[in-house]
All heavy atoms as atom14 arrays in JSON, in Angstrom:
{
  "sequence": "VTALDVASKTLATDDSYQRILVVGAYGMTRYVNWKDKKTCTL",
  "atom14_mask": [
    [1, 1, 1, 1, 1, 1, 1, 0, 0, 0, 0, 0, 0, 0],
    [1, 1, 1, 1, 1, 1, 1, 0, 0, 0, 0, 0, 0, 0],
    [1, 1, 1, 1, 1, 0, 0, 0, 0, 0, 0, 0, 0, 0],
    [1, 1, 1, 1, 1, 1, 1, 1, 0, 0, 0, 0, 0, 0],
    [1, 1, 1, 1, 1, 1, 1, 1, 0, 0, 0, 0, 0, 0],
    [1, 1, 1, 1, 1, 1, 1, 0, 0, 0, 0, 0, 0, 0],
    [1, 1, 1, 1, 1, 0, 0, 0, 0, 0, 0, 0, 0, 0],
    [1, 1, 1, 1, 1, 1, 0, 0, 0, 0, 0, 0, 0, 0],
    [1, 1, 1, 1, 1, 1, 1, 1, 1, 0, 0, 0, 0, 0],
    [1, 1, 1, 1, 1, 1, 1, 0, 0, 0, 0, 0, 0, 0],
    [1, 1, 1, 1, 1, 1, 1, 1, 0, 0, 0, 0, 0, 0],
    [1, 1, 1, 1, 1, 0, 0, 0, 0, 0, 0, 0, 0, 0],
    [1, 1, 1, 1, 1, 1, 1, 0, 0, 0, 0, 0, 0, 0],
    [1, 1, 1, 1, 1, 1, 1, 1, 0, 0, 0, 0, 0, 0],
    [1, 1, 1, 1, 1, 1, 1, 1, 0, 0, 0, 0, 0, 0],
    [1, 1, 1, 1, 1, 1, 0, 0, 0, 0, 0, 0, 0, 0],
    [1, 1, 1, 1, 1, 1, 1, 1, 1, 1, 1, 1, 0, 0],
    [1, 1, 1, 1, 1, 1, 1, 1, 1, 0, 0, 0, 0, 0],
    [1, 1, 1, 1, 1, 1, 1, 1, 1, 1, 1, 0, 0, 0],
    [1, 1, 1, 1, 1, 1, 1, 1, 0, 0, 0, 0, 0, 0],
    [1, 1, 1, 1, 1, 1, 1, 1, 0, 0, 0, 0, 0, 0],
    [1, 1, 1, 1, 1, 1, 1, 0, 0, 0, 0, 0, 0, 0],
    [1, 1, 1, 1, 1, 1, 1, 0, 0, 0, 0, 0, 0, 0],
    [1, 1, 1, 1, 0, 0, 0, 0, 0, 0, 0, 0, 0, 0],
    [1, 1, 1, 1, 1, 0, 0, 0, 0, 0, 0, 0, 0, 0],
    [1, 1, 1, 1, 1, 1, 1, 1, 1, 1, 1, 1, 0, 0],
    [1, 1, 1, 1, 0, 0, 0, 0, 0, 0, 0, 0, 0, 0],
    [1, 1, 1, 1, 1, 1, 1, 1, 0, 0, 0, 0, 0, 0],
    [1, 1, 1, 1, 1, 1, 1, 0, 0, 0, 0, 0, 0, 0],
    [1, 1, 1, 1, 1, 1, 1, 1, 1, 1, 1, 0, 0, 0],
    [1, 1, 1, 1, 1, 1, 1, 1, 1, 1, 1, 1, 0, 0],
    [1, 1, 1, 1, 1, 1, 1, 0, 0, 0, 0, 0, 0, 0],
    [1, 1, 1, 1, 1, 1, 1, 1, 0, 0, 0, 0, 0, 0],
    [1, 1, 1, 1, 1, 1, 1, 1, 1, 1, 1, 1, 1, 1],
    [1, 1, 1, 1, 1, 1, 1, 1, 1, 0, 0, 0, 0, 0],
    [1, 1, 1, 1, 1, 1, 1, 1, 0, 0, 0, 0, 0, 0],
    [1, 1, 1, 1, 1, 1, 1, 1, 1, 0, 0, 0, 0, 0],
    [1, 1, 1, 1, 1, 1, 1, 1, 1, 0, 0, 0, 0, 0],
    [1, 1, 1, 1, 1, 1, 1, 0, 0, 0, 0, 0, 0, 0],
    [1, 1, 1, 1, 1, 1, 0, 0, 0, 0, 0, 0, 0, 0],
    [1, 1, 1, 1, 1, 1, 1, 0, 0, 0, 0, 0, 0, 0],
    [1, 1, 1, 1, 1, 1, 1, 1, 0, 0, 0, 0, 0, 0]
  ],
  "atom14_positions": [
    [[97.85, 98.93, 107.54], [99.08, 99.67, 107.84], [99.02, 101.11, 107.19], [99.39, 102.07, 107.8], [100.34, 98.95, 107.37], [101.58, 99.76, 107.69], [100.42, 97.56, 108.05], [0.0, 0.0, 0.0], [0.0, 0.0, 0.0], [0.0, 0.0, 0.0], [0.0, 0.0, 0.0], [0.0, 0.0, 0.0], [0.0, 0.0, 0.0], [0.0, 0.0, 0.0]],
    [[98.36, 101.12, 106.01], [98.17, 102.44, 105.33], [97.26, 103.28, 106.16], [97.49, 104.5, 106.37], [97.59, 102.25, 103.98], [98.46, 101.39, 103.18], [97.39, 103.52, 103.25], [0.0, 0.0, 0.0], [0.0, 0.0, 0.0], [0.0, 0.0, 0.0], [0.0, 0.0, 0.0], [0.0, 0.0, 0.0], [0.0, 0.0, 0.0], [0.0, 0.0, 0.0]],
    [[96.16, 102.71, 106.67], [95.18, 103.46, 107.52], [95.85, 103.9, 108.78], [95.56, 104.96, 109.35], [94.01, 102.54, 107.76], [0.0, 0.0, 0.0], [0.0, 0.0, 0.0], [0.0, 0.0, 0.0], [0.0, 0.0, 0.0], [0.0, 0.0, 0.0], [0.0, 0.0, 0.0], [0.0, 0.0, 0.0], [0.0, 0.0, 0.0], [0.0, 0.0, 0.0]],
    [[96.7, 103.0, 109.37], [97.42, 103.36, 110.61], [98.31, 104.64, 110.37], [98.34, 105.48, 111.17], [98.27, 102.18, 111.05], [98.99, 102.32, 112.37], [98.06, 102.28, 113.54], [100.07, 101.22, 112.59], [0.0, 0.0, 0.0], [0.0, 0.0, 0.0], [0.0, 0.0, 0.0], [0.0, 0.0, 0.0], [0.0, 0.0, 0.0], [0.0, 0.0, 0.0]],
    [[98.92, 104.65, 109.23], [99.8, 105.84, 108.85], [98.94, 107.09, 108.84], [99.23, 108.12, 109.35], [100.48, 105.55, 107.56], [101.28, 106.73, 107.02], [101.81, 107.5, 107.84], [101.38, 106.88, 105.81], [0.0, 0.0, 0.0], [0.0, 0.0, 0.0], [0.0, 0.0, 0.0], [0.0, 0.0, 0.0], [0.0, 0.0, 0.0], [0.0, 0.0, 0.0]],
    [[97.82, 107.01, 108.11], [96.92, 108.23, 107.94], [96.32, 108.68, 109.28], [96.4, 109.85, 109.63], [95.76, 107.85, 106.96], [94.8, 109.0, 106.88], [96.34, 107.55, 105.55], [0.0, 0.0, 0.0], [0.0, 0.0, 0.0], [0.0, 0.0, 0.0], [0.0, 0.0, 0.0], [0.0, 0.0, 0.0], [0.0, 0.0, 0.0], [0.0, 0.0, 0.0]],
    [[95.88, 107.67, 110.06], [95.25, 108.07, 111.34], [96.36, 108.59, 112.31], [96.11, 109.57, 113.05], [94.67, 106.84, 111.96], [0.0, 0.0, 0.0], [0.0, 0.0, 0.0], [0.0, 0.0, 0.0], [0.0, 0.0, 0.0], [0.0, 0.0, 0.0], [0.0, 0.0, 0.0], [0.0, 0.0, 0.0], [0.0, 0.0, 0.0], [0.0, 0.0, 0.0]],
    [[97.59, 108.04, 112.29], [98.62, 108.52, 113.21], [98.97, 109.97, 112.82], [99.23, 110.79, 113.73], [99.82, 107.64, 113.05], [99.52, 106.32, 113.41], [0.0, 0.0, 0.0], [0.0, 0.0, 0.0], [0.0, 0.0, 0.0], [0.0, 0.0, 0.0], [0.0, 0.0, 0.0], [0.0, 0.0, 0.0], [0.0, 0.0, 0.0], [0.0, 0.0, 0.0]],
    [[99.06, 110.28, 111.57], [99.47, 111.6, 111.13], [98.3, 112.64, 111.41], [98.58, 113.8, 111.65], [99.85, 111.61, 109.67], [101.23, 110.88, 109.47], [101.54, 110.73, 108.01], [102.88, 110.01, 107.87], [103.24, 109.6, 106.5], [0.0, 0.0, 0.0], [0.0, 0.0, 0.0], [0.0, 0.0, 0.0], [0.0, 0.0, 0.0], [0.0, 0.0, 0.0]],
    [[97.1, 112.11, 111.31], [95.95, 113.01, 111.64], [96.03, 113.38, 113.1], [95.82, 114.61, 113.45], [94.63, 112.26, 111.35], [94.59, 111.96, 109.99], [93.41, 113.12, 111.72], [0.0, 0.0, 0.0], [0.0, 0.0, 0.0], [0.0, 0.0, 0.0], [0.0, 0.0, 0.0], [0.0, 0.0, 0.0], [0.0, 0.0, 0.0], [0.0, 0.0, 0.0]],
    [[96.25, 112.47, 113.99], [96.35, 112.75, 115.43], [97.51, 113.72, 115.74], [97.42, 114.65, 116.55], [96.58, 111.52, 116.24], [95.33, 110.71, 116.56], [95.66, 109.41, 117.21], [94.38, 111.5, 117.53], [0.0, 0.0, 0.0], [0.0, 0.0, 0.0], [0.0, 0.0, 0.0], [0.0, 0.0, 0.0], [0.0, 0.0, 0.0], [0.0, 0.0, 0.0]],
    [[98.6, 113.54, 115.03], [99.85, 114.38, 115.27], [99.67, 115.75, 114.82], [100.27, 116.65, 115.38], [101.04, 113.7, 114.61], [0.0, 0.0, 0.0], [0.0, 0.0, 0.0], [0.0, 0.0, 0.0], [0.0, 0.0, 0.0], [0.0, 0.0, 0.0], [0.0, 0.0, 0.0], [0.0, 0.0, 0.0], [0.0, 0.0, 0.0], [0.0, 0.0, 0.0]],
    [[98.84, 116.03, 113.82], [98.8, 117.34, 113.24], [97.52, 118.17, 113.47], [97.49, 119.3, 113.13], [99.0, 117.22, 111.67], [98.0, 116.42, 111.19], [100.35, 116.65, 111.38], [0.0, 0.0, 0.0], [0.0, 0.0, 0.0], [0.0, 0.0, 0.0], [0.0, 0.0, 0.0], [0.0, 0.0, 0.0], [0.0, 0.0, 0.0], [0.0, 0.0, 0.0]],
    [[96.47, 117.47, 114.01], [95.22, 118.2, 114.21], [94.65, 117.93, 115.62], [94.3, 116.84, 115.95], [94.23, 117.67, 113.22], [92.98, 118.47, 113.14], [92.63, 119.14, 114.1], [92.25, 118.42, 112.08], [0.0, 0.0, 0.0], [0.0, 0.0, 0.0], [0.0, 0.0, 0.0], [0.0, 0.0, 0.0], [0.0, 0.0, 0.0], [0.0, 0.0, 0.0]],
    [[94.7, 118.9, 116.5], [94.31, 118.72, 117.85], [92.82, 118.63, 118.12], [92.42, 118.46, 119.21], [94.93, 119.81, 118.7], [94.43, 121.19, 118.42], [93.5, 121.33, 117.63], [94.99, 122.22, 119.0], [0.0, 0.0, 0.0], [0.0, 0.0, 0.0], [0.0, 0.0, 0.0], [0.0, 0.0, 0.0], [0.0, 0.0, 0.0], [0.0, 0.0, 0.0]],
    [[92.05, 118.66, 117.02], [90.68, 118.4, 117.18], [90.32, 116.9, 117.26], [89.21, 116.49, 117.53], [89.83, 119.05, 116.02], [90.1, 118.41, 114.8], [0.0, 0.0, 0.0], [0.0, 0.0, 0.0], [0.0, 0.0, 0.0], [0.0, 0.0, 0.0], [0.0, 0.0, 0.0], [0.0, 0.0, 0.0], [0.0, 0.0, 0.0], [0.0, 0.0, 0.0]],
    [[91.37, 116.09, 117.0], [91.24, 114.66, 117.04], [91.97, 114.11, 118.29], [93.13, 114.48, 118.5], [91.82, 113.99, 115.84], [91.08, 114.19, 114.52], [91.43, 115.28, 113.75], [90.01, 113.36, 114.11], [90.69, 115.51, 112.53], [89.32, 113.58, 112.94], [89.63, 114.63, 112.2], [88.96, 114.89, 111.02], [0.0, 0.0, 0.0], [0.0, 0.0, 0.0]],
    [[91.27, 113.26, 119.12], [91.89, 112.73, 120.34], [91.87, 111.2, 120.31], [92.8, 110.56, 120.85], [91.09, 113.22, 121.56], [91.26, 114.7, 121.76], [92.64, 115.22, 122.05], [93.45, 114.49, 122.61], [92.96, 116.41, 121.57], [0.0, 0.0, 0.0], [0.0, 0.0, 0.0], [0.0, 0.0, 0.0], [0.0, 0.0, 0.0], [0.0, 0.0, 0.0]],
    [[90.83, 110.59, 119.74], [90.73, 109.19, 119.69], [90.3, 108.72, 118.31], [89.28, 109.19, 117.79], [89.67, 108.68, 120.72], [89.96, 109.01, 122.21], [91.07, 108.1, 122.69], [91.32, 108.29, 124.12], [92.17, 109.17, 124.65], [92.9, 109.95, 123.79], [92.32, 109.28, 125.91], [0.0, 0.0, 0.0], [0.0, 0.0, 0.0], [0.0, 0.0, 0.0]],
    [[91.04, 107.8, 117.72], [90.74, 107.24, 116.42], [90.71, 105.75, 116.48], [91.64, 105.15, 117.01], [91.7, 107.69, 115.29], [91.69, 109.26, 115.23], [91.43, 107.14, 113.97], [92.64, 109.87, 114.19], [0.0, 0.0, 0.0], [0.0, 0.0, 0.0], [0.0, 0.0, 0.0], [0.0, 0.0, 0.0], [0.0, 0.0, 0.0], [0.0, 0.0, 0.0]],
    [[89.68, 105.16, 115.87], [89.61, 103.72, 115.73], [90.03, 103.34, 114.35], [89.53, 103.91, 113.36], [88.15, 103.27, 115.93], [87.81, 101.77, 115.72], [88.44, 100.87, 116.76], [86.31, 101.56, 115.66], [0.0, 0.0, 0.0], [0.0, 0.0, 0.0], [0.0, 0.0, 0.0], [0.0, 0.0, 0.0], [0.0, 0.0, 0.0], [0.0, 0.0, 0.0]],
    [[91.05, 102.34, 114.3], [91.54, 101.86, 112.97], [91.28, 100.33, 112.97], [91.9, 99.59, 113.74], [93.02, 102.19, 112.77], [93.53, 101.78, 111.42], [93.35, 103.69, 113.05], [0.0, 0.0, 0.0], [0.0, 0.0, 0.0], [0.0, 0.0, 0.0], [0.0, 0.0, 0.0], [0.0, 0.0, 0.0], [0.0, 0.0, 0.0], [0.0, 0.0, 0.0]],
    [[90.5, 99.96, 111.98], [90.07, 98.52, 111.93], [90.51, 97.97, 110.54], [90.36, 98.62, 109.48], [88.55, 98.37, 112.05], [88.18, 96.85, 112.13], [87.97, 99.08, 113.3], [0.0, 0.0, 0.0], [0.0, 0.0, 0.0], [0.0, 0.0, 0.0], [0.0, 0.0, 0.0], [0.0, 0.0, 0.0], [0.0, 0.0, 0.0], [0.0, 0.0, 0.0]],
    [[91.01, 96.75, 110.56], [91.23, 95.99, 109.31], [90.23, 94.84, 109.33], [90.23, 94.06, 110.35], [0.0, 0.0, 0.0], [0.0, 0.0, 0.0], [0.0, 0.0, 0.0], [0.0, 0.0, 0.0], [0.0, 0.0, 0.0], [0.0, 0.0, 0.0], [0.0, 0.0, 0.0], [0.0, 0.0, 0.0], [0.0, 0.0, 0.0], [0.0, 0.0, 0.0]],
    [[89.41, 94.69, 108.35], [88.41, 93.7, 108.28], [88.4, 92.98, 106.99], [88.56, 93.59, 105.93], [87.03, 94.27, 108.58], [0.0, 0.0, 0.0], [0.0, 0.0, 0.0], [0.0, 0.0, 0.0], [0.0, 0.0, 0.0], [0.0, 0.0, 0.0], [0.0, 0.0, 0.0], [0.0, 0.0, 0.0], [0.0, 0.0, 0.0], [0.0, 0.0, 0.0]],
    [[88.14, 91.68, 106.99], [88.32, 90.86, 105.78], [87.32, 89.77, 105.76], [87.2, 88.94, 106.63], [89.69, 90.22, 105.84], [90.35, 89.91, 104.53], [90.55, 90.87, 103.56], [90.72, 88.53, 104.29], [91.25, 90.53, 102.38], [91.38, 88.26, 103.02], [91.62, 89.29, 102.08], [92.26, 88.99, 100.89], [0.0, 0.0, 0.0], [0.0, 0.0, 0.0]],
    [[86.47, 89.79, 104.65], [85.49, 88.75, 104.49], [85.67, 88.06, 103.09], [84.68, 87.89, 102.35], [0.0, 0.0, 0.0], [0.0, 0.0, 0.0], [0.0, 0.0, 0.0], [0.0, 0.0, 0.0], [0.0, 0.0, 0.0], [0.0, 0.0, 0.0], [0.0, 0.0, 0.0], [0.0, 0.0, 0.0], [0.0, 0.0, 0.0], [0.0, 0.0, 0.0]],
    [[86.87, 87.78, 102.77], [87.27, 87.31, 101.43], [86.65, 85.9, 101.08], [86.52, 85.6, 99.89], [88.75, 87.23, 101.26], [89.25, 87.0, 99.8], [88.63, 88.24, 98.6], [89.78, 89.59, 98.9], [0.0, 0.0, 0.0], [0.0, 0.0, 0.0], [0.0, 0.0, 0.0], [0.0, 0.0, 0.0], [0.0, 0.0, 0.0], [0.0, 0.0, 0.0]],
    [[86.21, 85.12, 102.06], [85.67, 83.83, 101.71], [84.38, 83.97, 100.9], [83.9, 83.08, 100.16], [85.39, 82.91, 102.89], [84.48, 83.53, 103.76], [86.74, 82.68, 103.63], [0.0, 0.0, 0.0], [0.0, 0.0, 0.0], [0.0, 0.0, 0.0], [0.0, 0.0, 0.0], [0.0, 0.0, 0.0], [0.0, 0.0, 0.0], [0.0, 0.0, 0.0]],
    [[83.72, 85.21, 100.97], [82.57, 85.44, 100.17], [82.86, 85.49, 98.67], [81.95, 85.42, 97.85], [81.9, 86.73, 100.64], [81.21, 86.69, 102.0], [79.88, 85.86, 101.89], [79.44, 85.51, 103.25], [78.63, 86.28, 103.99], [78.4, 87.5, 103.62], [78.3, 85.85, 105.14], [0.0, 0.0, 0.0], [0.0, 0.0, 0.0], [0.0, 0.0, 0.0]],
    [[84.11, 85.68, 98.34], [84.58, 85.87, 97.0], [85.42, 84.68, 96.52], [86.04, 84.8, 95.48], [85.34, 87.14, 96.82], [84.56, 88.39, 97.17], [84.62, 88.94, 98.45], [83.69, 88.96, 96.22], [83.83, 90.06, 98.76], [82.93, 90.04, 96.57], [83.02, 90.64, 97.75], [82.24, 91.69, 98.12], [0.0, 0.0, 0.0], [0.0, 0.0, 0.0]],
    [[85.45, 83.59, 97.28], [86.24, 82.4, 96.95], [85.44, 81.44, 96.19], [84.3, 81.12, 96.48], [86.76, 81.81, 98.25], [87.32, 80.36, 98.02], [87.93, 82.64, 98.88], [0.0, 0.0, 0.0], [0.0, 0.0, 0.0], [0.0, 0.0, 0.0], [0.0, 0.0, 0.0], [0.0, 0.0, 0.0], [0.0, 0.0, 0.0], [0.0, 0.0, 0.0]],
    [[86.01, 80.92, 95.15], [85.5, 79.81, 94.38], [86.06, 78.55, 95.11], [87.29, 78.29, 95.05], [85.93, 79.81, 92.94], [85.55, 78.58, 92.16], [85.02, 77.6, 92.71], [85.76, 78.61, 90.86], [0.0, 0.0, 0.0], [0.0, 0.0, 0.0], [0.0, 0.0, 0.0], [0.0, 0.0, 0.0], [0.0, 0.0, 0.0], [0.0, 0.0, 0.0]],
    [[85.23, 77.75, 95.74], [85.71, 76.69, 96.53], [86.17, 75.46, 95.77], [86.5, 74.46, 96.34], [84.6, 76.28, 97.54], [84.41, 77.34, 98.6], [83.5, 78.3, 98.66], [85.26, 77.54, 99.74], [83.67, 79.1, 99.8], [84.77, 78.63, 100.45], [86.36, 76.89, 100.28], [85.34, 79.1, 101.64], [86.94, 77.31, 101.48], [86.46, 78.41, 102.15]],
    [[86.19, 75.63, 94.49], [86.83, 74.58, 93.63], [88.12, 75.06, 92.96], [88.81, 74.32, 92.27], [85.85, 74.22, 92.48], [84.57, 73.5, 92.96], [84.84, 72.22, 93.74], [83.65, 71.47, 94.19], [83.89, 70.25, 94.96], [0.0, 0.0, 0.0], [0.0, 0.0, 0.0], [0.0, 0.0, 0.0], [0.0, 0.0, 0.0], [0.0, 0.0, 0.0]],
    [[88.5, 76.28, 93.39], [89.77, 76.87, 92.94], [90.86, 76.69, 94.0], [90.84, 77.36, 95.0], [89.56, 78.37, 92.64], [90.88, 79.06, 92.23], [91.87, 78.34, 91.93], [90.9, 80.32, 92.18], [0.0, 0.0, 0.0], [0.0, 0.0, 0.0], [0.0, 0.0, 0.0], [0.0, 0.0, 0.0], [0.0, 0.0, 0.0], [0.0, 0.0, 0.0]],
    [[91.71, 75.76, 93.77], [92.73, 75.35, 94.74], [93.61, 76.52, 95.08], [94.17, 76.66, 96.23], [93.56, 74.18, 94.21], [94.58, 73.65, 95.15], [95.15, 72.35, 94.75], [95.85, 72.46, 93.4], [96.56, 71.19, 93.03], [0.0, 0.0, 0.0], [0.0, 0.0, 0.0], [0.0, 0.0, 0.0], [0.0, 0.0, 0.0], [0.0, 0.0, 0.0]],
    [[93.89, 77.42, 94.17], [94.8, 78.53, 94.39], [94.23, 79.52, 95.43], [95.02, 80.21, 96.1], [95.06, 79.29, 93.09], [95.84, 78.52, 92.04], [96.07, 79.36, 90.83], [96.77, 78.59, 89.78], [96.97, 79.37, 88.53], [0.0, 0.0, 0.0], [0.0, 0.0, 0.0], [0.0, 0.0, 0.0], [0.0, 0.0, 0.0], [0.0, 0.0, 0.0]],
    [[92.95, 79.6, 95.57], [92.37, 80.63, 96.55], [91.69, 80.06, 97.72], [91.91, 80.57, 98.83], [91.36, 81.5, 95.77], [90.32, 80.7, 95.17], [92.05, 82.33, 94.67], [0.0, 0.0, 0.0], [0.0, 0.0, 0.0], [0.0, 0.0, 0.0], [0.0, 0.0, 0.0], [0.0, 0.0, 0.0], [0.0, 0.0, 0.0], [0.0, 0.0, 0.0]],
    [[90.93, 78.92, 97.55], [90.21, 78.38, 98.68], [91.04, 77.86, 99.79], [90.67, 77.74, 100.95], [89.13, 77.44, 98.31], [89.81, 75.82, 97.82], [0.0, 0.0, 0.0], [0.0, 0.0, 0.0], [0.0, 0.0, 0.0], [0.0, 0.0, 0.0], [0.0, 0.0, 0.0], [0.0, 0.0, 0.0], [0.0, 0.0, 0.0], [0.0, 0.0, 0.0]],
    [[92.34, 77.56, 99.46], [93.22, 77.01, 100.44], [93.89, 78.14, 101.34], [94.42, 77.8, 102.41], [94.35, 76.24, 99.77], [94.93, 77.1, 98.74], [93.85, 74.96, 99.06], [0.0, 0.0, 0.0], [0.0, 0.0, 0.0], [0.0, 0.0, 0.0], [0.0, 0.0, 0.0], [0.0, 0.0, 0.0], [0.0, 0.0, 0.0], [0.0, 0.0, 0.0]],
    [[93.83, 79.35, 100.81], [94.52, 80.46, 101.55], [93.63, 81.36, 102.36], [93.87, 81.63, 103.48], [95.26, 81.27, 100.5], [96.32, 80.59, 99.66], [96.9, 81.55, 98.61], [97.48, 80.03, 100.54], [0.0, 0.0, 0.0], [0.0, 0.0, 0.0], [0.0, 0.0, 0.0], [0.0, 0.0, 0.0], [0.0, 0.0, 0.0], [0.0, 0.0, 0.0]]
  ]
}
């Protein structure tokens, strides 16, 4: 949502930008301890 805000304002204020890709990506299971109930369940 923060990136969406930044990208939206960039398009609105700078006419050298016409198309912007905004991606949210998450690979958090690489950082999960699978014996930690607080994190591996979520």
